[in-house]
Amino acid sequence: MLRAGGGQEQPQNLDGALSPDDVAEAVVKGLEAESFLILPHEIVLTYMQRKTADYDRWLGGMRRLRAKVLGRA
């Protein structure tokens, strides 16, 4: 799903947005597999690994993203 008025260049759309049906399918599969962590979008695992590997770097990136989204960059 894309944010209203947001084009593909918007930060929330860079890695591809999933439809609600895609997310629901991933959740059902995760529940069937009795997975502890269900990540519907394949890139989210990479995001989590980067976040935990260097939390200070991740926080800096989030600050830059926030500033960009708010028009402060």
PDB file of N, CA and C in Angstrom:
ATOM      1  N   MET A   1       0.832  -1.165   0.000  1.00  0.00           N
ATOM      2  CA  MET A   1       0.000   0.000   0.000  1.00  0.00           C
ATOM      3  C   MET A   1       0.887   1.242   0.000  1.00  0.00           C
ATOM      4  N   LEU A   2       0.570   2.215  -0.785  1.00  0.00           N
ATOM      5  CA  LEU A   2       1.336   3.447  -0.833  1.00  0.00           C
ATOM      6  C   LEU A   2       0.623   4.520  -0.048  1.00  0.00           C
ATOM      7  N   ARG A   3       1.406   5.382   0.575  1.00  0.00           N
ATOM      8  CA  ARG A   3       0.800   6.514   1.266  1.00  0.00           C
ATOM      9  C   ARG A   3       0.121   7.415   0.259  1.00  0.00           C
ATOM     10  N   ALA A   4      -0.933   8.073   0.675  1.00  0.00           N
ATOM     11  CA  ALA A   4      -1.643   9.001  -0.200  1.00  0.00           C
ATOM     12  C   ALA A   4      -0.685  10.085  -0.667  1.00  0.00           C
ATOM     13  N   GLY A   5      -0.655  10.309  -1.969  1.00  0.00           N
ATOM     14  CA  GLY A   5       0.191  11.349  -2.522  1.00  0.00           C
ATOM     15  C   GLY A   5       1.652  10.956  -2.630  1.00  0.00           C
ATOM     16  N   GLY A   6       2.002   9.737  -2.237  1.00  0.00           N
ATOM     17  CA  GLY A   6       3.404   9.331  -2.254  1.00  0.00           C
ATOM     18  C   GLY A   6       3.752   8.573  -3.520  1.00  0.00           C
ATOM     19  N   GLY A   7       4.810   8.972  -4.160  1.00  0.00           N
ATOM     20  CA  GLY A   7       5.292   8.261  -5.337  1.00  0.00           C
ATOM     21  C   GLY A   7       6.309   7.210  -4.935  1.00  0.00           C
ATOM     22  N   GLN A   8       6.850   6.538  -5.903  1.00  0.00           N
ATOM     23  CA  GLN A   8       7.828   5.488  -5.637  1.00  0.00           C
ATOM     24  C   GLN A   8       9.089   6.017  -4.967  1.00  0.00           C
ATOM     25  N   GLU A   9       9.368   7.314  -5.118  1.00  0.00           N
ATOM     26  CA  GLU A   9      10.577   7.880  -4.519  1.00  0.00           C
ATOM     27  C   GLU A   9      10.459   8.113  -3.019  1.00  0.00           C
ATOM     28  N   GLN A  10       9.286   7.972  -2.449  1.00  0.00           N
ATOM     29  CA  GLN A  10       9.091   8.194  -1.022  1.00  0.00           C
ATOM     30  C   GLN A  10       9.786   7.101  -0.216  1.00  0.00           C
ATOM     31  N   PRO A  11      10.373   7.438   0.951  1.00  0.00           N
ATOM     32  CA  PRO A  11      11.123   6.454   1.740  1.00  0.00           C
ATOM     33  C   PRO A  11      10.351   5.186   2.056  1.00  0.00           C
ATOM     34  N   GLN A  12       9.068   5.285   2.320  1.00  0.00           N
ATOM     35  CA  GLN A  12       8.290   4.101   2.681  1.00  0.00           C
ATOM     36  C   GLN A  12       8.087   3.167   1.498  1.00  0.00           C
ATOM     37  N   ASN A  13       8.414   3.611   0.302  1.00  0.00           N
ATOM     38  CA  ASN A  13       8.175   2.800  -0.892  1.00  0.00           C
ATOM     39  C   ASN A  13       9.456   2.287  -1.538  1.00  0.00           C
ATOM     40  N   LEU A  14      10.616   2.600  -0.983  1.00  0.00           N
ATOM     41  CA  LEU A  14      11.874   2.268  -1.641  1.00  0.00           C
ATOM     42  C   LEU A  14      12.072   0.777  -1.858  1.00  0.00           C
ATOM     43  N   ASP A  15      11.673  -0.041  -0.924  1.00  0.00           N
ATOM     44  CA  ASP A  15      11.880  -1.479  -1.041  1.00  0.00           C
ATOM     45  C   ASP A  15      10.638  -2.214  -1.502  1.00  0.00           C
ATOM     46  N   GLY A  16       9.661  -1.484  -1.954  1.00  0.00           N
ATOM     47  CA  GLY A  16       8.443  -2.109  -2.451  1.00  0.00           C
ATOM     48  C   GLY A  16       7.418  -2.279  -1.354  1.00  0.00           C
ATOM     49  N   ALA A  17       6.248  -1.851  -1.628  1.00  0.00           N
ATOM     50  CA  ALA A  17       5.153  -1.979  -0.665  1.00  0.00           C
ATOM     51  C   ALA A  17       4.408  -3.280  -0.934  1.00  0.00           C
ATOM     52  N   LEU A  18       3.937  -3.895   0.124  1.00  0.00           N
ATOM     53  CA  LEU A  18       3.168  -5.127  -0.003  1.00  0.00           C
ATOM     54  C   LEU A  18       1.684  -4.820   0.083  1.00  0.00           C
ATOM     55  N   SER A  19       0.920  -5.596  -0.622  1.00  0.00           N
ATOM     56  CA  SER A  19      -0.535  -5.449  -0.534  1.00  0.00           C
ATOM     57  C   SER A  19      -1.012  -6.106   0.761  1.00  0.00           C
ATOM     58  N   PRO A  20      -2.163  -5.729   1.245  1.00  0.00           N
ATOM     59  CA  PRO A  20      -2.717  -6.393   2.439  1.00  0.00           C
ATOM     60  C   PRO A  20      -2.853  -7.904   2.239  1.00  0.00           C
ATOM     61  N   ASP A  21      -3.184  -8.322   1.029  1.00  0.00           N
ATOM     62  CA  ASP A  21      -3.307  -9.761   0.758  1.00  0.00           C
ATOM     63  C   ASP A  21      -1.964 -10.470   0.893  1.00  0.00           C
ATOM     64  N   ASP A  22      -0.885  -9.826   0.420  1.00  0.00           N
ATOM     65  CA  ASP A  22       0.456 -10.415   0.551  1.00  0.00           C
ATOM     66  C   ASP A  22       0.844 -10.569   2.015  1.00  0.00           C
ATOM     67  N   VAL A  23       0.558  -9.546   2.803  1.00  0.00           N
ATOM     68  CA  VAL A  23       0.873  -9.600   4.231  1.00  0.00           C
ATOM     69  C   VAL A  23       0.051 -10.695   4.909  1.00  0.00           C
ATOM     70  N   ALA A  24      -1.228 -10.760   4.608  1.00  0.00           N
ATOM     71  CA  ALA A  24      -2.083 -11.784   5.206  1.00  0.00           C
ATOM     72  C   ALA A  24      -1.587 -13.184   4.858  1.00  0.00           C
ATOM     73  N   GLU A  25      -1.180 -13.380   3.618  1.00  0.00           N
ATOM     74  CA  GLU A  25      -0.670 -14.693   3.200  1.00  0.00           C
ATOM     75  C   GLU A  25       0.594 -15.058   3.975  1.00  0.00           C
ATOM     76  N   ALA A  26       1.497 -14.088   4.146  1.00  0.00           N
ATOM     77  CA  ALA A  26       2.731 -14.335   4.895  1.00  0.00           C
ATOM     78  C   ALA A  26       2.421 -14.668   6.352  1.00  0.00           C
ATOM     79  N   VAL A  27       1.442 -13.995   6.936  1.00  0.00           N
ATOM     80  CA  VAL A  27       1.069 -14.252   8.319  1.00  0.00           C
ATOM     81  C   VAL A  27       0.478 -15.654   8.453  1.00  0.00           C
ATOM     82  N   VAL A  28      -0.387 -16.031   7.553  1.00  0.00           N
ATOM     83  CA  VAL A  28      -0.987 -17.372   7.607  1.00  0.00           C
ATOM     84  C   VAL A  28       0.101 -18.439   7.487  1.00  0.00           C
ATOM     85  N   LYS A  29       1.022 -18.256   6.556  1.00  0.00           N
ATOM     86  CA  LYS A  29       2.122 -19.227   6.398  1.00  0.00           C
ATOM     87  C   LYS A  29       2.985 -19.285   7.655  1.00  0.00           C
ATOM     88  N   GLY A  30       3.265 -18.117   8.247  1.00  0.00           N
ATOM     89  CA  GLY A  30       4.062 -18.082   9.472  1.00  0.00           C
ATOM     90  C   GLY A  30       3.375 -18.777  10.628  1.00  0.00           C
ATOM     91  N   LEU A  31       2.072 -18.582  10.735  1.00  0.00           N
ATOM     92  CA  LEU A  31       1.311 -19.253  11.790  1.00  0.00           C
ATOM     93  C   LEU A  31       1.278 -20.760  11.568  1.00  0.00           C
ATOM     94  N   GLU A  32       1.106 -21.174  10.330  1.00  0.00           N
ATOM     95  CA  GLU A  32       1.102 -22.605  10.019  1.00  0.00           C
ATOM     96  C   GLU A  32       2.447 -23.246  10.370  1.00  0.00           C
ATOM     97  N   ALA A  33       3.540 -22.500  10.136  1.00  0.00           N
ATOM     98  CA  ALA A  33       4.879 -23.005  10.433  1.00  0.00           C
ATOM     99  C   ALA A  33       5.251 -22.820  11.907  1.00  0.00           C
ATOM    100  N   GLU A  34       4.343 -22.196  12.668  1.00  0.00           N
ATOM    101  CA  GLU A  34       4.560 -21.889  14.075  1.00  0.00           C
ATOM    102  C   GLU A  34       5.829 -21.059  14.275  1.00  0.00           C
ATOM    103  N   SER A  35       6.022 -20.092  13.387  1.00  0.00           N
ATOM    104  CA  SER A  35       7.183 -19.201  13.465  1.00  0.00           C
ATOM    105  C   SER A  35       7.008 -18.215  14.614  1.00  0.00           C
ATOM    106  N   PHE A  36       8.107 -17.951  15.318  1.00  0.00           N
ATOM    107  CA  PHE A  36       8.077 -16.966  16.393  1.00  0.00           C
ATOM    108  C   PHE A  36       7.993 -15.559  15.822  1.00  0.00           C
ATOM    109  N   LEU A  37       8.746 -15.309  14.761  1.00  0.00           N
ATOM    110  CA  LEU A  37       8.807 -13.981  14.161  1.00  0.00           C
ATOM    111  C   LEU A  37       8.362 -14.082  12.702  1.00  0.00           C
ATOM    112  N   ILE A  38       7.332 -13.355  12.369  1.00  0.00           N
ATOM    113  CA  ILE A  38       6.801 -13.377  11.004  1.00  0.00           C
ATOM    114  C   ILE A  38       7.141 -12.038  10.351  1.00  0.00           C
ATOM    115  N   LEU A  39       7.951 -12.093   9.312  1.00  0.00           N
ATOM    116  CA  LEU A  39       8.366 -10.896   8.600  1.00  0.00           C
ATOM    117  C   LEU A  39       7.831 -10.979   7.172  1.00  0.00           C
ATOM    118  N   PRO A  40       6.728 -10.317   6.885  1.00  0.00           N
ATOM    119  CA  PRO A  40       6.117 -10.425   5.562  1.00  0.00           C
ATOM    120  C   PRO A  40       7.005  -9.950   4.420  1.00  0.00           C
ATOM    121  N   HIS A  41       7.819  -8.931   4.658  1.00  0.00           N
ATOM    122  CA  HIS A  41       8.675  -8.397   3.592  1.00  0.00           C
ATOM    123  C   HIS A  41      10.080  -8.937   3.793  1.00  0.00           C
ATOM    124  N   GLU A  42      10.643  -9.541   2.762  1.00  0.00           N
ATOM    125  CA  GLU A  42      11.939 -10.218   2.882  1.00  0.00           C
ATOM    126  C   GLU A  42      13.072  -9.291   3.335  1.00  0.00           C
ATOM    127  N   ILE A  43      13.023  -8.018   3.038  1.00  0.00           N
ATOM    128  CA  ILE A  43      14.106  -7.106   3.387  1.00  0.00           C
ATOM    129  C   ILE A  43      14.112  -6.750   4.879  1.00  0.00           C
ATOM    130  N   VAL A  44      13.009  -6.985   5.577  1.00  0.00           N
ATOM    131  CA  VAL A  44      12.913  -6.611   6.987  1.00  0.00           C
ATOM    132  C   VAL A  44      13.936  -7.367   7.835  1.00  0.00           C
ATOM    133  N   LEU A  45      14.215  -8.607   7.507  1.00  0.00           N
ATOM    134  CA  LEU A  45      15.226  -9.368   8.247  1.00  0.00           C
ATOM    135  C   LEU A  45      16.579  -8.677   8.143  1.00  0.00           C
ATOM    136  N   THR A  46      16.932  -8.207   6.960  1.00  0.00           N
ATOM    137  CA  THR A  46      18.189  -7.483   6.774  1.00  0.00           C
ATOM    138  C   THR A  46      18.194  -6.214   7.613  1.00  0.00           C
ATOM    139  N   TYR A  47      17.083  -5.490   7.631  1.00  0.00           N
ATOM    140  CA  TYR A  47      16.982  -4.279   8.456  1.00  0.00           C
ATOM    141  C   TYR A  47      17.222  -4.611   9.924  1.00  0.00           C
ATOM    142  N   MET A  48      16.604  -5.679  10.401  1.00  0.00           N
ATOM    143  CA  MET A  48      16.759  -6.065  11.806  1.00  0.00           C
ATOM    144  C   MET A  48      18.199  -6.440  12.120  1.00  0.00           C
ATOM    145  N   GLN A  49      18.849  -7.154  11.205  1.00  0.00           N
ATOM    146  CA  GLN A  49      20.237  -7.553  11.426  1.00  0.00           C
ATOM    147  C   GLN A  49      21.156  -6.338  11.480  1.00  0.00           C
ATOM    148  N   ARG A  50      20.937  -5.387  10.607  1.00  0.00           N
ATOM    149  CA  ARG A  50      21.746  -4.166  10.614  1.00  0.00           C
ATOM    150  C   ARG A  50      21.515  -3.368  11.889  1.00  0.00           C
ATOM    151  N   LYS A  51      20.269  -3.310  12.311  1.00  0.00           N
ATOM    152  CA  LYS A  51      19.923  -2.559  13.522  1.00  0.00           C
ATOM    153  C   LYS A  51      20.635  -3.139  14.735  1.00  0.00           C
ATOM    154  N   THR A  52      20.596  -4.438  14.894  1.00  0.00           N
ATOM    155  CA  THR A  52      21.197  -5.052  16.072  1.00  0.00           C
ATOM    156  C   THR A  52      22.712  -5.119  15.991  1.00  0.00           C
ATOM    157  N   ALA A  53      23.266  -5.101  14.785  1.00  0.00           N
ATOM    158  CA  ALA A  53      24.722  -5.164  14.630  1.00  0.00           C
ATOM    159  C   ALA A  53      25.392  -3.855  15.057  1.00  0.00           C
ATOM    160  N   ASP A  54      24.754  -2.721  14.805  1.00  0.00           N
ATOM    161  CA  ASP A  54      25.334  -1.420  15.150  1.00  0.00           C
ATOM    162  C   ASP A  54      24.193  -0.456  15.442  1.00  0.00           C
ATOM    163  N   TYR A  55      23.713  -0.487  16.673  1.00  0.00           N
ATOM    164  CA  TYR A  55      22.525   0.272  17.044  1.00  0.00           C
ATOM    165  C   TYR A  55      22.729   1.781  16.895  1.00  0.00           C
ATOM    166  N   ASP A  56      23.915   2.284  17.228  1.00  0.00           N
ATOM    167  CA  ASP A  56      24.168   3.722  17.091  1.00  0.00           C
ATOM    168  C   ASP A  56      24.093   4.166  15.634  1.00  0.00           C
ATOM    169  N   ARG A  57      24.623   3.358  14.738  1.00  0.00           N
ATOM    170  CA  ARG A  57      24.549   3.676  13.309  1.00  0.00           C
ATOM    171  C   ARG A  57      23.089   3.683  12.848  1.00  0.00           C
ATOM    172  N   TRP A  58      22.328   2.692  13.313  1.00  0.00           N
ATOM    173  CA  TRP A  58      20.914   2.603  12.946  1.00  0.00           C
ATOM    174  C   TRP A  58      20.159   3.838  13.429  1.00  0.00           C
ATOM    175  N   LEU A  59      20.410   4.250  14.672  1.00  0.00           N
ATOM    176  CA  LEU A  59      19.747   5.446  15.201  1.00  0.00           C
ATOM    177  C   LEU A  59      20.080   6.679  14.364  1.00  0.00           C
ATOM    178  N   GLY A  60      21.339   6.805  13.948  1.00  0.00           N
ATOM    179  CA  GLY A  60      21.728   7.926  13.089  1.00  0.00           C
ATOM    180  C   GLY A  60      20.965   7.912  11.784  1.00  0.00           C
ATOM    181  N   GLY A  61      20.806   6.744  11.198  1.00  0.00           N
ATOM    182  CA  GLY A  61      20.044   6.614   9.956  1.00  0.00           C
ATOM    183  C   GLY A  61      18.584   6.981  10.146  1.00  0.00           C
ATOM    184  N   MET A  62      18.010   6.581  11.269  1.00  0.00           N
ATOM    185  CA  MET A  62      16.612   6.915  11.546  1.00  0.00           C
ATOM    186  C   MET A  62      16.444   8.422  11.747  1.00  0.00           C
ATOM    187  N   ARG A  63      17.443   9.044  12.381  1.00  0.00           N
ATOM    188  CA  ARG A  63      17.380  10.499  12.552  1.00  0.00           C
ATOM    189  C   ARG A  63      17.438  11.206  11.202  1.00  0.00           C
ATOM    190  N   ARG A  64      18.313  10.725  10.314  1.00  0.00           N
ATOM    191  CA  ARG A  64      18.409  11.322   8.971  1.00  0.00           C
ATOM    192  C   ARG A  64      17.115  11.118   8.189  1.00  0.00           C
ATOM    193  N   LEU A  65      16.533   9.929   8.264  1.00  0.00           N
ATOM    194  CA  LEU A  65      15.281   9.647   7.573  1.00  0.00           C
ATOM    195  C   LEU A  65      14.166  10.541   8.107  1.00  0.00           C
ATOM    196  N   ARG A  66      14.085  10.680   9.414  1.00  0.00           N
ATOM    197  CA  ARG A  66      13.053  11.534  10.024  1.00  0.00           C
ATOM    198  C   ARG A  66      13.203  12.976   9.543  1.00  0.00           C
ATOM    199  N   ALA A  67      14.442  13.471   9.540  1.00  0.00           N
ATOM    200  CA  ALA A  67      14.678  14.844   9.090  1.00  0.00           C
ATOM    201  C   ALA A  67      14.262  15.010   7.624  1.00  0.00           C
ATOM    202  N   LYS A  68      14.560  14.004   6.810  1.00  0.00           N
ATOM    203  CA  LYS A  68      14.197  14.074   5.393  1.00  0.00           C
ATOM    204  C   LYS A  68      12.676  14.072   5.224  1.00  0.00           C
ATOM    205  N   VAL A  69      11.997  13.204   5.943  1.00  0.00           N
ATOM    206  CA  VAL A  69      10.546  13.105   5.846  1.00  0.00           C
ATOM    207  C   VAL A  69       9.887  14.406   6.316  1.00  0.00           C
ATOM    208  N   LEU A  70      10.454  15.013   7.335  1.00  0.00           N
ATOM    209  CA  LEU A  70       9.892  16.254   7.865  1.00  0.00           C
ATOM    210  C   LEU A  70      10.368  17.494   7.114  1.00  0.00           C
ATOM    211  N   GLY A  71      11.206  17.286   6.094  1.00  0.00           N
ATOM    212  CA  GLY A  71      11.687  18.396   5.288  1.00  0.00           C
ATOM    213  C   GLY A  71      12.777  19.207   5.943  1.00  0.00           C
ATOM    214  N   ARG A  72      13.513  18.600   6.839  1.00  0.00           N
ATOM    215  CA  ARG A  72      14.581  19.307   7.544  1.00  0.00           C
ATOM    216  C   ARG A  72      15.963  18.949   7.035  1.00  0.00           C
ATOM    217  N   ALA A  73      16.042  18.146   6.014  1.00  0.00           N
ATOM    218  CA  ALA A  73      17.350  17.710   5.502  1.00  0.00           C
ATOM    219  C   ALA A  73      17.880  18.676   4.464  1.00  0.00           C
TER     220      ALA A  73
END
